[in-house]
Amino acid sequence: MTVHQNHLRGVALEMFKVKMGCSPTFMKNIFQSSTPTYKLRTVTEFSSSYPQTVRYGTECISFMGPKTWSLLPSHIANLTNTFDFKRKVKEWIPEGCRCRLCKVYVADIGFM
């Protein structure tokens, strides 16, 4: 387990607390629940804020929280007990993260 994977697990835990309503009020105000007006193939639980620049704002909790929550498998995201969620999220290996730390550098091409 890397430090970055541990960080993603912590972000997932905070998102779970927001979902269950046991987080502080300021955290609830950061994340708005997503209510789609029509059916889509992928339904997200939290609406994501989009940064206005390439780098600024992509590492903040308001952007990374919904992205990390979308990486969780559905059997973990649908849990309702905090103890079970903590136990399952410790076993979870985050895959598919698109942050700048997870990008791979290819020689003579750049980050992909």
PDB file of N, CA and C in Angstrom:
ATOM      1  N   MET A   1       0.844  -1.176   0.000  1.00  0.00           N
ATOM      2  CA  MET A   1       0.000   0.000   0.000  1.00  0.00           C
ATOM      3  C   MET A   1       0.890   1.240   0.000  1.00  0.00           C
ATOM      4  N   THR A   2       0.629   2.125  -0.939  1.00  0.00           N
ATOM      5  CA  THR A   2       1.394   3.357  -1.011  1.00  0.00           C
ATOM      6  C   THR A   2       0.713   4.441  -0.191  1.00  0.00           C
ATOM      7  N   VAL A   3       1.413   5.535   0.008  1.00  0.00           N
ATOM      8  CA  VAL A   3       0.851   6.672   0.737  1.00  0.00           C
ATOM      9  C   VAL A   3      -0.348   7.243  -0.030  1.00  0.00           C
ATOM     10  N   HIS A   4      -0.234   7.272  -1.350  1.00  0.00           N
ATOM     11  CA  HIS A   4      -1.325   7.807  -2.170  1.00  0.00           C
ATOM     12  C   HIS A   4      -2.572   6.921  -2.062  1.00  0.00           C
ATOM     13  N   GLN A   5      -2.410   5.612  -2.065  1.00  0.00           N
ATOM     14  CA  GLN A   5      -3.551   4.711  -1.906  1.00  0.00           C
ATOM     15  C   GLN A   5      -4.205   4.903  -0.537  1.00  0.00           C
ATOM     16  N   ASN A   6      -3.391   5.104   0.478  1.00  0.00           N
ATOM     17  CA  ASN A   6      -3.918   5.359   1.815  1.00  0.00           C
ATOM     18  C   ASN A   6      -4.702   6.678   1.835  1.00  0.00           C
ATOM     19  N   HIS A   7      -4.203   7.676   1.119  1.00  0.00           N
ATOM     20  CA  HIS A   7      -4.899   8.962   1.016  1.00  0.00           C
ATOM     21  C   HIS A   7      -6.263   8.784   0.325  1.00  0.00           C
ATOM     22  N   LEU A   8      -6.312   8.007  -0.752  1.00  0.00           N
ATOM     23  CA  LEU A   8      -7.572   7.773  -1.452  1.00  0.00           C
ATOM     24  C   LEU A   8      -8.572   7.040  -0.561  1.00  0.00           C
ATOM     25  N   ARG A   9      -8.087   6.150   0.274  1.00  0.00           N
ATOM     26  CA  ARG A   9      -8.973   5.447   1.207  1.00  0.00           C
ATOM     27  C   ARG A   9      -9.544   6.419   2.232  1.00  0.00           C
ATOM     28  N   GLY A  10      -8.735   7.373   2.679  1.00  0.00           N
ATOM     29  CA  GLY A  10      -9.218   8.392   3.610  1.00  0.00           C
ATOM     30  C   GLY A  10     -10.264   9.288   2.973  1.00  0.00           C
ATOM     31  N   VAL A  11     -10.063   9.634   1.712  1.00  0.00           N
ATOM     32  CA  VAL A  11     -11.042  10.457   0.994  1.00  0.00           C
ATOM     33  C   VAL A  11     -12.344   9.680   0.825  1.00  0.00           C
ATOM     34  N   ALA A  12     -12.235   8.384   0.523  1.00  0.00           N
ATOM     35  CA  ALA A  12     -13.434   7.551   0.389  1.00  0.00           C
ATOM     36  C   ALA A  12     -14.192   7.478   1.708  1.00  0.00           C
ATOM     37  N   LEU A  13     -13.487   7.407   2.820  1.00  0.00           N
ATOM     38  CA  LEU A  13     -14.132   7.376   4.126  1.00  0.00           C
ATOM     39  C   LEU A  13     -14.869   8.688   4.402  1.00  0.00           C
ATOM     40  N   GLU A  14     -14.259   9.811   4.051  1.00  0.00           N
ATOM     41  CA  GLU A  14     -14.931  11.100   4.231  1.00  0.00           C
ATOM     42  C   GLU A  14     -16.180  11.199   3.355  1.00  0.00           C
ATOM     43  N   MET A  15     -16.118  10.679   2.150  1.00  0.00           N
ATOM     44  CA  MET A  15     -17.282  10.692   1.275  1.00  0.00           C
ATOM     45  C   MET A  15     -18.397   9.808   1.836  1.00  0.00           C
ATOM     46  N   PHE A  16     -18.026   8.700   2.455  1.00  0.00           N
ATOM     47  CA  PHE A  16     -19.008   7.827   3.092  1.00  0.00           C
ATOM     48  C   PHE A  16     -19.699   8.554   4.240  1.00  0.00           C
ATOM     49  N   LYS A  17     -18.926   9.303   5.019  1.00  0.00           N
ATOM     50  CA  LYS A  17     -19.516  10.065   6.126  1.00  0.00           C
ATOM     51  C   LYS A  17     -20.485  11.122   5.614  1.00  0.00           C
ATOM     52  N   VAL A  18     -20.159  11.754   4.488  1.00  0.00           N
ATOM     53  CA  VAL A  18     -21.068  12.740   3.897  1.00  0.00           C
ATOM     54  C   VAL A  18     -22.339  12.041   3.429  1.00  0.00           C
ATOM     55  N   LYS A  19     -22.183  10.880   2.818  1.00  0.00           N
ATOM     56  CA  LYS A  19     -23.341  10.131   2.326  1.00  0.00           C
ATOM     57  C   LYS A  19     -24.263   9.712   3.465  1.00  0.00           C
ATOM     58  N   MET A  20     -23.690   9.285   4.584  1.00  0.00           N
ATOM     59  CA  MET A  20     -24.482   8.813   5.716  1.00  0.00           C
ATOM     60  C   MET A  20     -24.991   9.951   6.602  1.00  0.00           C
ATOM     61  N   GLY A  21     -24.506  11.173   6.382  1.00  0.00           N
ATOM     62  CA  GLY A  21     -24.966  12.316   7.155  1.00  0.00           C
ATOM     63  C   GLY A  21     -24.286  12.479   8.502  1.00  0.00           C
ATOM     64  N   CYS A  22     -23.118  11.865   8.688  1.00  0.00           N
ATOM     65  CA  CYS A  22     -22.426  11.993   9.979  1.00  0.00           C
ATOM     66  C   CYS A  22     -21.142  12.813   9.854  1.00  0.00           C
ATOM     67  N   SER A  23     -21.087  13.687   8.878  1.00  0.00           N
ATOM     68  CA  SER A  23     -19.937  14.577   8.734  1.00  0.00           C
ATOM     69  C   SER A  23     -20.349  15.979   9.177  1.00  0.00           C
ATOM     70  N   PRO A  24     -19.386  16.860   9.426  1.00  0.00           N
ATOM     71  CA  PRO A  24     -19.719  18.238   9.824  1.00  0.00           C
ATOM     72  C   PRO A  24     -20.493  18.972   8.725  1.00  0.00           C
ATOM     73  N   THR A  25     -21.154  20.029   9.097  1.00  0.00           N
ATOM     74  CA  THR A  25     -21.998  20.782   8.168  1.00  0.00           C
ATOM     75  C   THR A  25     -21.206  21.358   7.007  1.00  0.00           C
ATOM     76  N   PHE A  26     -19.993  21.836   7.267  1.00  0.00           N
ATOM     77  CA  PHE A  26     -19.220  22.427   6.172  1.00  0.00           C
ATOM     78  C   PHE A  26     -18.846  21.388   5.120  1.00  0.00           C
ATOM     79  N   MET A  27     -18.671  20.118   5.527  1.00  0.00           N
ATOM     80  CA  MET A  27     -18.388  19.063   4.550  1.00  0.00           C
ATOM     81  C   MET A  27     -19.640  18.747   3.735  1.00  0.00           C
ATOM     82  N   LYS A  28     -20.794  18.780   4.370  1.00  0.00           N
ATOM     83  CA  LYS A  28     -22.041  18.533   3.647  1.00  0.00           C
ATOM     84  C   LYS A  28     -22.296  19.627   2.621  1.00  0.00           C
ATOM     85  N   ASN A  29     -21.867  20.843   2.929  1.00  0.00           N
ATOM     86  CA  ASN A  29     -22.065  21.957   2.005  1.00  0.00           C
ATOM     87  C   ASN A  29     -21.129  21.887   0.797  1.00  0.00           C
ATOM     88  N   ILE A  30     -20.000  21.231   0.934  1.00  0.00           N
ATOM     89  CA  ILE A  30     -19.055  21.112  -0.176  1.00  0.00           C
ATOM     90  C   ILE A  30     -19.598  20.186  -1.252  1.00  0.00           C
ATOM     91  N   PHE A  31     -20.218  19.085  -0.834  1.00  0.00           N
ATOM     92  CA  PHE A  31     -20.672  18.060  -1.772  1.00  0.00           C
ATOM     93  C   PHE A  31     -22.180  18.121  -1.933  1.00  0.00           C
ATOM     94  N   GLN A  32     -22.607  18.279  -3.143  1.00  0.00           N
ATOM     95  CA  GLN A  32     -24.031  18.282  -3.458  1.00  0.00           C
ATOM     96  C   GLN A  32     -24.385  16.929  -4.067  1.00  0.00           C
ATOM     97  N   SER A  33     -25.523  16.392  -3.662  1.00  0.00           N
ATOM     98  CA  SER A  33     -25.932  15.112  -4.247  1.00  0.00           C
ATOM     99  C   SER A  33     -26.387  15.342  -5.674  1.00  0.00           C
ATOM    100  N   SER A  34     -26.111  14.377  -6.493  1.00  0.00           N
ATOM    101  CA  SER A  34     -26.429  14.477  -7.909  1.00  0.00           C
ATOM    102  C   SER A  34     -27.841  13.950  -8.148  1.00  0.00           C
ATOM    103  N   THR A  35     -28.688  14.756  -8.742  1.00  0.00           N
ATOM    104  CA  THR A  35     -30.039  14.328  -9.089  1.00  0.00           C
ATOM    105  C   THR A  35     -30.225  14.521 -10.585  1.00  0.00           C
ATOM    106  N   PRO A  36     -30.028  13.446 -11.356  1.00  0.00           N
ATOM    107  CA  PRO A  36     -30.156  13.584 -12.812  1.00  0.00           C
ATOM    108  C   PRO A  36     -31.611  13.811 -13.223  1.00  0.00           C
ATOM    109  N   THR A  37     -31.804  14.588 -14.267  1.00  0.00           N
ATOM    110  CA  THR A  37     -33.152  14.873 -14.748  1.00  0.00           C
ATOM    111  C   THR A  37     -33.657  13.777 -15.683  1.00  0.00           C
ATOM    112  N   TYR A  38     -32.742  12.964 -16.214  1.00  0.00           N
ATOM    113  CA  TYR A  38     -33.126  11.857 -17.074  1.00  0.00           C
ATOM    114  C   TYR A  38     -32.141  10.717 -16.883  1.00  0.00           C
ATOM    115  N   LYS A  39     -32.499   9.523 -17.347  1.00  0.00           N
ATOM    116  CA  LYS A  39     -31.678   8.340 -17.109  1.00  0.00           C
ATOM    117  C   LYS A  39     -30.444   8.332 -18.008  1.00  0.00           C
ATOM    118  N   LEU A  40     -29.327   8.014 -17.384  1.00  0.00           N
ATOM    119  CA  LEU A  40     -28.065   7.870 -18.090  1.00  0.00           C
ATOM    120  C   LEU A  40     -27.496   6.493 -17.803  1.00  0.00           C
ATOM    121  N   ARG A  41     -26.482   6.106 -18.550  1.00  0.00           N
ATOM    122  CA  ARG A  41     -25.854   4.810 -18.289  1.00  0.00           C
ATOM    123  C   ARG A  41     -25.127   4.793 -16.963  1.00  0.00           C
ATOM    124  N   THR A  42     -24.430   5.856 -16.660  1.00  0.00           N
ATOM    125  CA  THR A  42     -23.700   5.936 -15.396  1.00  0.00           C
ATOM    126  C   THR A  42     -24.351   6.993 -14.514  1.00  0.00           C
ATOM    127  N   VAL A  43     -24.665   6.597 -13.315  1.00  0.00           N
ATOM    128  CA  VAL A  43     -25.276   7.519 -12.365  1.00  0.00           C
ATOM    129  C   VAL A  43     -24.266   7.793 -11.264  1.00  0.00           C
ATOM    130  N   THR A  44     -23.969   9.057 -11.026  1.00  0.00           N
ATOM    131  CA  THR A  44     -23.047   9.422  -9.964  1.00  0.00           C
ATOM    132  C   THR A  44     -23.846   9.910  -8.767  1.00  0.00           C
ATOM    133  N   GLU A  45     -23.328   9.612  -7.596  1.00  0.00           N
ATOM    134  CA  GLU A  45     -24.039   9.970  -6.375  1.00  0.00           C
ATOM    135  C   GLU A  45     -23.779  11.413  -5.956  1.00  0.00           C
ATOM    136  N   PHE A  46     -22.577  11.914  -6.279  1.00  0.00           N
ATOM    137  CA  PHE A  46     -22.203  13.281  -5.925  1.00  0.00           C
ATOM    138  C   PHE A  46     -21.859  14.038  -7.192  1.00  0.00           C
ATOM    139  N   SER A  47     -22.278  15.299  -7.244  1.00  0.00           N
ATOM    140  CA  SER A  47     -21.901  16.126  -8.385  1.00  0.00           C
ATOM    141  C   SER A  47     -20.495  16.676  -8.143  1.00  0.00           C
ATOM    142  N   SER A  48     -19.739  16.745  -9.192  1.00  0.00           N
ATOM    143  CA  SER A  48     -18.341  17.160  -9.089  1.00  0.00           C
ATOM    144  C   SER A  48     -18.183  18.592  -9.551  1.00  0.00           C
ATOM    145  N   SER A  49     -17.292  19.314  -8.878  1.00  0.00           N
ATOM    146  CA  SER A  49     -16.954  20.657  -9.329  1.00  0.00           C
ATOM    147  C   SER A  49     -15.821  20.533 -10.343  1.00  0.00           C
ATOM    148  N   TYR A  50     -15.842  21.373 -11.334  1.00  0.00           N
ATOM    149  CA  TYR A  50     -14.820  21.322 -12.369  1.00  0.00           C
ATOM    150  C   TYR A  50     -13.916  22.534 -12.248  1.00  0.00           C
ATOM    151  N   PRO A  51     -12.606  22.300 -12.121  1.00  0.00           N
ATOM    152  CA  PRO A  51     -11.682  23.430 -12.005  1.00  0.00           C
ATOM    153  C   PRO A  51     -11.589  24.199 -13.316  1.00  0.00           C
ATOM    154  N   GLN A  52     -11.253  25.463 -13.216  1.00  0.00           N
ATOM    155  CA  GLN A  52     -11.179  26.323 -14.386  1.00  0.00           C
ATOM    156  C   GLN A  52      -9.810  26.271 -15.075  1.00  0.00           C
ATOM    157  N   THR A  53      -8.831  25.654 -14.427  1.00  0.00           N
ATOM    158  CA  THR A  53      -7.491  25.566 -15.002  1.00  0.00           C
ATOM    159  C   THR A  53      -7.061  24.105 -15.073  1.00  0.00           C
ATOM    160  N   VAL A  54      -5.890  23.878 -15.648  1.00  0.00           N
ATOM    161  CA  VAL A  54      -5.403  22.516 -15.819  1.00  0.00           C
ATOM    162  C   VAL A  54      -4.931  21.922 -14.502  1.00  0.00           C
ATOM    163  N   ARG A  55      -4.236  22.674 -13.674  1.00  0.00           N
ATOM    164  CA  ARG A  55      -3.657  22.136 -12.451  1.00  0.00           C
ATOM    165  C   ARG A  55      -4.316  22.628 -11.171  1.00  0.00           C
ATOM    166  N   TYR A  56      -4.719  23.886 -11.141  1.00  0.00           N
ATOM    167  CA  TYR A  56      -5.254  24.458  -9.914  1.00  0.00           C
ATOM    168  C   TYR A  56      -6.641  23.891  -9.623  1.00  0.00           C
ATOM    169  N   GLY A  57      -6.795  23.310  -8.461  1.00  0.00           N
ATOM    170  CA  GLY A  57      -8.093  22.794  -8.056  1.00  0.00           C
ATOM    171  C   GLY A  57      -8.309  21.322  -8.308  1.00  0.00           C
ATOM    172  N   THR A  58      -7.363  20.648  -8.959  1.00  0.00           N
ATOM    173  CA  THR A  58      -7.556  19.227  -9.255  1.00  0.00           C
ATOM    174  C   THR A  58      -7.179  18.318  -8.091  1.00  0.00           C
ATOM    175  N   GLU A  59      -6.541  18.854  -7.065  1.00  0.00           N
ATOM    176  CA  GLU A  59      -6.154  18.045  -5.906  1.00  0.00           C
ATOM    177  C   GLU A  59      -6.982  18.375  -4.673  1.00  0.00           C
ATOM    178  N   CYS A  60      -7.983  19.235  -4.799  1.00  0.00           N
ATOM    179  CA  CYS A  60      -8.792  19.605  -3.636  1.00  0.00           C
ATOM    180  C   CYS A  60      -9.879  18.558  -3.400  1.00  0.00           C
ATOM    181  N   ILE A  61     -10.415  18.554  -2.200  1.00  0.00           N
ATOM    182  CA  ILE A  61     -11.392  17.541  -1.806  1.00  0.00           C
ATOM    183  C   ILE A  61     -12.689  17.662  -2.596  1.00  0.00           C
ATOM    184  N   SER A  62     -13.064  18.866  -2.993  1.00  0.00           N
ATOM    185  CA  SER A  62     -14.321  19.028  -3.737  1.00  0.00           C
ATOM    186  C   SER A  62     -14.243  18.406  -5.130  1.00  0.00           C
ATOM    187  N   PHE A  63     -13.045  18.275  -5.673  1.00  0.00           N
ATOM    188  CA  PHE A  63     -12.865  17.641  -6.979  1.00  0.00           C
ATOM    189  C   PHE A  63     -12.526  16.157  -6.834  1.00  0.00           C
ATOM    190  N   MET A  64     -11.606  15.835  -5.912  1.00  0.00           N
ATOM    191  CA  MET A  64     -11.154  14.444  -5.763  1.00  0.00           C
ATOM    192  C   MET A  64     -12.158  13.560  -5.031  1.00  0.00           C
ATOM    193  N   GLY A  65     -13.009  14.131  -4.181  1.00  0.00           N
ATOM    194  CA  GLY A  65     -13.974  13.336  -3.433  1.00  0.00           C
ATOM    195  C   GLY A  65     -14.930  12.556  -4.324  1.00  0.00           C
ATOM    196  N   PRO A  66     -15.678  13.224  -5.221  1.00  0.00           N
ATOM    197  CA  PRO A  66     -16.570  12.488  -6.114  1.00  0.00           C
ATOM    198  C   PRO A  66     -15.831  11.554  -7.067  1.00  0.00           C
ATOM    199  N   LYS A  67     -14.632  11.947  -7.501  1.00  0.00           N
ATOM    200  CA  LYS A  67     -13.851  11.077  -8.387  1.00  0.00           C
ATOM    201  C   LYS A  67     -13.443   9.800  -7.664  1.00  0.00           C
ATOM    202  N   THR A  68     -13.016   9.928  -6.420  1.00  0.00           N
ATOM    203  CA  THR A  68     -12.627   8.756  -5.633  1.00  0.00           C
ATOM    204  C   THR A  68     -13.838   7.892  -5.334  1.00  0.00           C
ATOM    205  N   TRP A  69     -14.968   8.509  -5.030  1.00  0.00           N
ATOM    206  CA  TRP A  69     -16.182   7.749  -4.741  1.00  0.00           C
ATOM    207  C   TRP A  69     -16.615   6.935  -5.960  1.00  0.00           C
ATOM    208  N   SER A  70     -16.408   7.483  -7.154  1.00  0.00           N
ATOM    209  CA  SER A  70     -16.793   6.760  -8.366  1.00  0.00           C
ATOM    210  C   SER A  70     -15.872   5.571  -8.643  1.00  0.00           C
ATOM    211  N   LEU A  71     -14.665   5.565  -8.052  1.00  0.00           N
ATOM    212  CA  LEU A  71     -13.745   4.437  -8.226  1.00  0.00           C
ATOM    213  C   LEU A  71     -14.118   3.245  -7.354  1.00  0.00           C
ATOM    214  N   LEU A  72     -14.882   3.490  -6.293  1.00  0.00           N
ATOM    215  CA  LEU A  72     -15.250   2.411  -5.375  1.00  0.00           C
ATOM    216  C   LEU A  72     -16.149   1.393  -6.063  1.00  0.00           C
ATOM    217  N   PRO A  73     -15.921   0.108  -5.817  1.00  0.00           N
ATOM    218  CA  PRO A  73     -16.855  -0.905  -6.326  1.00  0.00           C
ATOM    219  C   PRO A  73     -18.219  -0.734  -5.658  1.00  0.00           C
ATOM    220  N   SER A  74     -19.257  -1.137  -6.330  1.00  0.00           N
ATOM    221  CA  SER A  74     -20.612  -0.918  -5.818  1.00  0.00           C
ATOM    222  C   SER A  74     -20.881  -1.686  -4.527  1.00  0.00           C
ATOM    223  N   HIS A  75     -20.239  -2.845  -4.332  1.00  0.00           N
ATOM    224  CA  HIS A  75     -20.484  -3.593  -3.091  1.00  0.00           C
ATOM    225  C   HIS A  75     -19.898  -2.881  -1.869  1.00  0.00           C
ATOM    226  N   ILE A  76     -18.940  -1.999  -2.074  1.00  0.00           N
ATOM    227  CA  ILE A  76     -18.399  -1.201  -0.969  1.00  0.00           C
ATOM    228  C   ILE A  76     -19.193   0.097  -0.824  1.00  0.00           C
ATOM    229  N   ALA A  77     -19.513   0.740  -1.933  1.00  0.00           N
ATOM    230  CA  ALA A  77     -20.214   2.027  -1.893  1.00  0.00           C
ATOM    231  C   ALA A  77     -21.635   1.896  -1.348  1.00  0.00           C
ATOM    232  N   ASN A  78     -22.233   0.737  -1.467  1.00  0.00           N
ATOM    233  CA  ASN A  78     -23.611   0.551  -1.019  1.00  0.00           C
ATOM    234  C   ASN A  78     -23.729   0.118   0.434  1.00  0.00           C
ATOM    235  N   LEU A  79     -22.621  -0.010   1.147  1.00  0.00           N
ATOM    236  CA  LEU A  79     -22.679  -0.388   2.556  1.00  0.00           C
ATOM    237  C   LEU A  79     -23.287   0.746   3.377  1.00  0.00           C
ATOM    238  N   THR A  80     -23.925   0.389   4.487  1.00  0.00           N
ATOM    239  CA  THR A  80     -24.547   1.400   5.335  1.00  0.00           C
ATOM    240  C   THR A  80     -23.955   1.439   6.735  1.00  0.00           C
ATOM    241  N   ASN A  81     -23.139   0.475   7.089  1.00  0.00           N
ATOM    242  CA  ASN A  81     -22.525   0.401   8.406  1.00  0.00           C
ATOM    243  C   ASN A  81     -21.094   0.938   8.328  1.00  0.00           C
ATOM    244  N   THR A  82     -20.730   1.855   9.207  1.00  0.00           N
ATOM    245  CA  THR A  82     -19.398   2.465   9.184  1.00  0.00           C
ATOM    246  C   THR A  82     -18.306   1.441   9.443  1.00  0.00           C
ATOM    247  N   PHE A  83     -18.521   0.539  10.374  1.00  0.00           N
ATOM    248  CA  PHE A  83     -17.519  -0.476  10.696  1.00  0.00           C
ATOM    249  C   PHE A  83     -17.248  -1.374   9.493  1.00  0.00           C
ATOM    250  N   ASP A  84     -18.303  -1.813   8.811  1.00  0.00           N
ATOM    251  CA  ASP A  84     -18.133  -2.659   7.620  1.00  0.00           C
ATOM    252  C   ASP A  84     -17.450  -1.892   6.498  1.00  0.00           C
ATOM    253  N   PHE A  85     -17.810  -0.614   6.337  1.00  0.00           N
ATOM    254  CA  PHE A  85     -17.191   0.186   5.282  1.00  0.00           C
ATOM    255  C   PHE A  85     -15.702   0.348   5.532  1.00  0.00           C
ATOM    256  N   LYS A  86     -15.308   0.647   6.777  1.00  0.00           N
ATOM    257  CA  LYS A  86     -13.887   0.810   7.091  1.00  0.00           C
ATOM    258  C   LYS A  86     -13.110  -0.478   6.831  1.00  0.00           C
ATOM    259  N   ARG A  87     -13.723  -1.603   7.181  1.00  0.00           N
ATOM    260  CA  ARG A  87     -13.057  -2.894   6.984  1.00  0.00           C
ATOM    261  C   ARG A  87     -12.890  -3.193   5.489  1.00  0.00           C
ATOM    262  N   LYS A  88     -13.927  -2.933   4.706  1.00  0.00           N
ATOM    263  CA  LYS A  88     -13.873  -3.216   3.268  1.00  0.00           C
ATOM    264  C   LYS A  88     -12.967  -2.239   2.530  1.00  0.00           C
ATOM    265  N   VAL A  89     -12.961  -0.976   2.948  1.00  0.00           N
ATOM    266  CA  VAL A  89     -12.143   0.005   2.242  1.00  0.00           C
ATOM    267  C   VAL A  89     -10.653  -0.220   2.522  1.00  0.00           C
ATOM    268  N   LYS A  90     -10.311  -0.861   3.647  1.00  0.00           N
ATOM    269  CA  LYS A  90      -8.912  -1.205   3.915  1.00  0.00           C
ATOM    270  C   LYS A  90      -8.420  -2.279   2.965  1.00  0.00           C
ATOM    271  N   GLU A  91      -9.317  -3.148   2.500  1.00  0.00           N
ATOM    272  CA  GLU A  91      -8.962  -4.207   1.561  1.00  0.00           C
ATOM    273  C   GLU A  91      -8.969  -3.719   0.111  1.00  0.00           C
ATOM    274  N   TRP A  92      -9.596  -2.567  -0.126  1.00  0.00           N
ATOM    275  CA  TRP A  92      -9.752  -2.038  -1.480  1.00  0.00           C
ATOM    276  C   TRP A  92      -8.430  -1.499  -2.007  1.00  0.00           C
ATOM    277  N   ILE A  93      -8.081  -1.875  -3.217  1.00  0.00           N
ATOM    278  CA  ILE A  93      -6.899  -1.345  -3.894  1.00  0.00           C
ATOM    279  C   ILE A  93      -7.391  -0.394  -4.979  1.00  0.00           C
ATOM    280  N   PRO A  94      -7.159   0.905  -4.820  1.00  0.00           N
ATOM    281  CA  PRO A  94      -7.662   1.881  -5.800  1.00  0.00           C
ATOM    282  C   PRO A  94      -7.010   1.682  -7.167  1.00  0.00           C
ATOM    283  N   GLU A  95      -7.835   1.460  -8.158  1.00  0.00           N
ATOM    284  CA  GLU A  95      -7.355   1.321  -9.532  1.00  0.00           C
ATOM    285  C   GLU A  95      -8.156   2.253 -10.422  1.00  0.00           C
ATOM    286  N   GLY A  96      -7.502   2.827 -11.386  1.00  0.00           N
ATOM    287  CA  GLY A  96      -8.184   3.713 -12.312  1.00  0.00           C
ATOM    288  C   GLY A  96      -8.151   5.174 -11.916  1.00  0.00           C
ATOM    289  N   CYS A  97      -7.362   5.512 -10.908  1.00  0.00           N
ATOM    290  CA  CYS A  97      -7.255   6.908 -10.501  1.00  0.00           C
ATOM    291  C   CYS A  97      -6.573   7.693 -11.609  1.00  0.00           C
ATOM    292  N   ARG A  98      -7.119   8.875 -11.928  1.00  0.00           N
ATOM    293  CA  ARG A  98      -6.594   9.674 -13.023  1.00  0.00           C
ATOM    294  C   ARG A  98      -5.903  10.946 -12.543  1.00  0.00           C
ATOM    295  N   CYS A  99      -5.457  10.936 -11.282  1.00  0.00           N
ATOM    296  CA  CYS A  99      -4.774  12.121 -10.766  1.00  0.00           C
ATOM    297  C   CYS A  99      -3.351  12.176 -11.322  1.00  0.00           C
ATOM    298  N   ARG A 100      -2.676  13.276 -11.065  1.00  0.00           N
ATOM    299  CA  ARG A 100      -1.335  13.445 -11.638  1.00  0.00           C
ATOM    300  C   ARG A 100      -0.310  12.509 -11.009  1.00  0.00           C
ATOM    301  N   LEU A 101      -0.555  12.002  -9.801  1.00  0.00           N
ATOM    302  CA  LEU A 101       0.371  11.072  -9.179  1.00  0.00           C
ATOM    303  C   LEU A 101       0.289   9.679  -9.780  1.00  0.00           C
ATOM    304  N   CYS A 102      -0.847   9.341 -10.332  1.00  0.00           N
ATOM    305  CA  CYS A 102      -1.050   7.997 -10.887  1.00  0.00           C
ATOM    306  C   CYS A 102      -0.722   7.909 -12.369  1.00  0.00           C
ATOM    307  N   LYS A 103      -0.478   9.039 -13.009  1.00  0.00           N
ATOM    308  CA  LYS A 103      -0.147   9.008 -14.428  1.00  0.00           C
ATOM    309  C   LYS A 103       1.237   8.420 -14.625  1.00  0.00           C
ATOM    310  N   VAL A 104       1.420   7.736 -15.735  1.00  0.00           N
ATOM    311  CA  VAL A 104       2.675   7.061 -16.037  1.00  0.00           C
ATOM    312  C   VAL A 104       3.457   7.920 -17.027  1.00  0.00           C
ATOM    313  N   TYR A 105       4.759   8.072 -16.766  1.00  0.00           N
ATOM    314  CA  TYR A 105       5.604   8.843 -17.669  1.00  0.00           C
ATOM    315  C   TYR A 105       6.193   7.909 -18.718  1.00  0.00           C
ATOM    316  N   VAL A 106       5.993   8.225 -19.982  1.00  0.00           N
ATOM    317  CA  VAL A 106       6.551   7.470 -21.093  1.00  0.00           C
ATOM    318  C   VAL A 106       7.660   8.322 -21.691  1.00  0.00           C
ATOM    319  N   ALA A 107       8.846   7.741 -21.836  1.00  0.00           N
ATOM    320  CA  ALA A 107      10.001   8.484 -22.346  1.00  0.00           C
ATOM    321  C   ALA A 107       9.698   9.048 -23.728  1.00  0.00           C
ATOM    322  N   ASP A 108      10.104  10.300 -23.946  1.00  0.00           N
ATOM    323  CA  ASP A 108       9.967  11.032 -25.190  1.00  0.00           C
ATOM    324  C   ASP A 108       8.523  11.356 -25.565  1.00  0.00           C
ATOM    325  N   ILE A 109       7.572  10.986 -24.717  1.00  0.00           N
ATOM    326  CA  ILE A 109       6.167  11.298 -25.011  1.00  0.00           C
ATOM    327  C   ILE A 109       5.606  12.209 -23.916  1.00  0.00           C
ATOM    328  N   GLY A 110       5.809  11.821 -22.664  1.00  0.00           N
ATOM    329  CA  GLY A 110       5.286  12.596 -21.549  1.00  0.00           C
ATOM    330  C   GLY A 110       4.385  11.753 -20.670  1.00  0.00           C
ATOM    331  N   PHE A 111       3.588  12.402 -19.869  1.00  0.00           N
ATOM    332  CA  PHE A 111       2.680  11.698 -18.965  1.00  0.00           C
ATOM    333  C   PHE A 111       1.431  11.247 -19.704  1.00  0.00           C
ATOM    334  N   MET A 112       1.002  10.046 -19.417  1.00  0.00           N
ATOM    335  CA  MET A 112      -0.201   9.500 -20.042  1.00  0.00           C
ATOM    336  C   MET A 112      -1.139   9.009 -18.988  1.00  0.00           C
TER     337      MET A 112
END
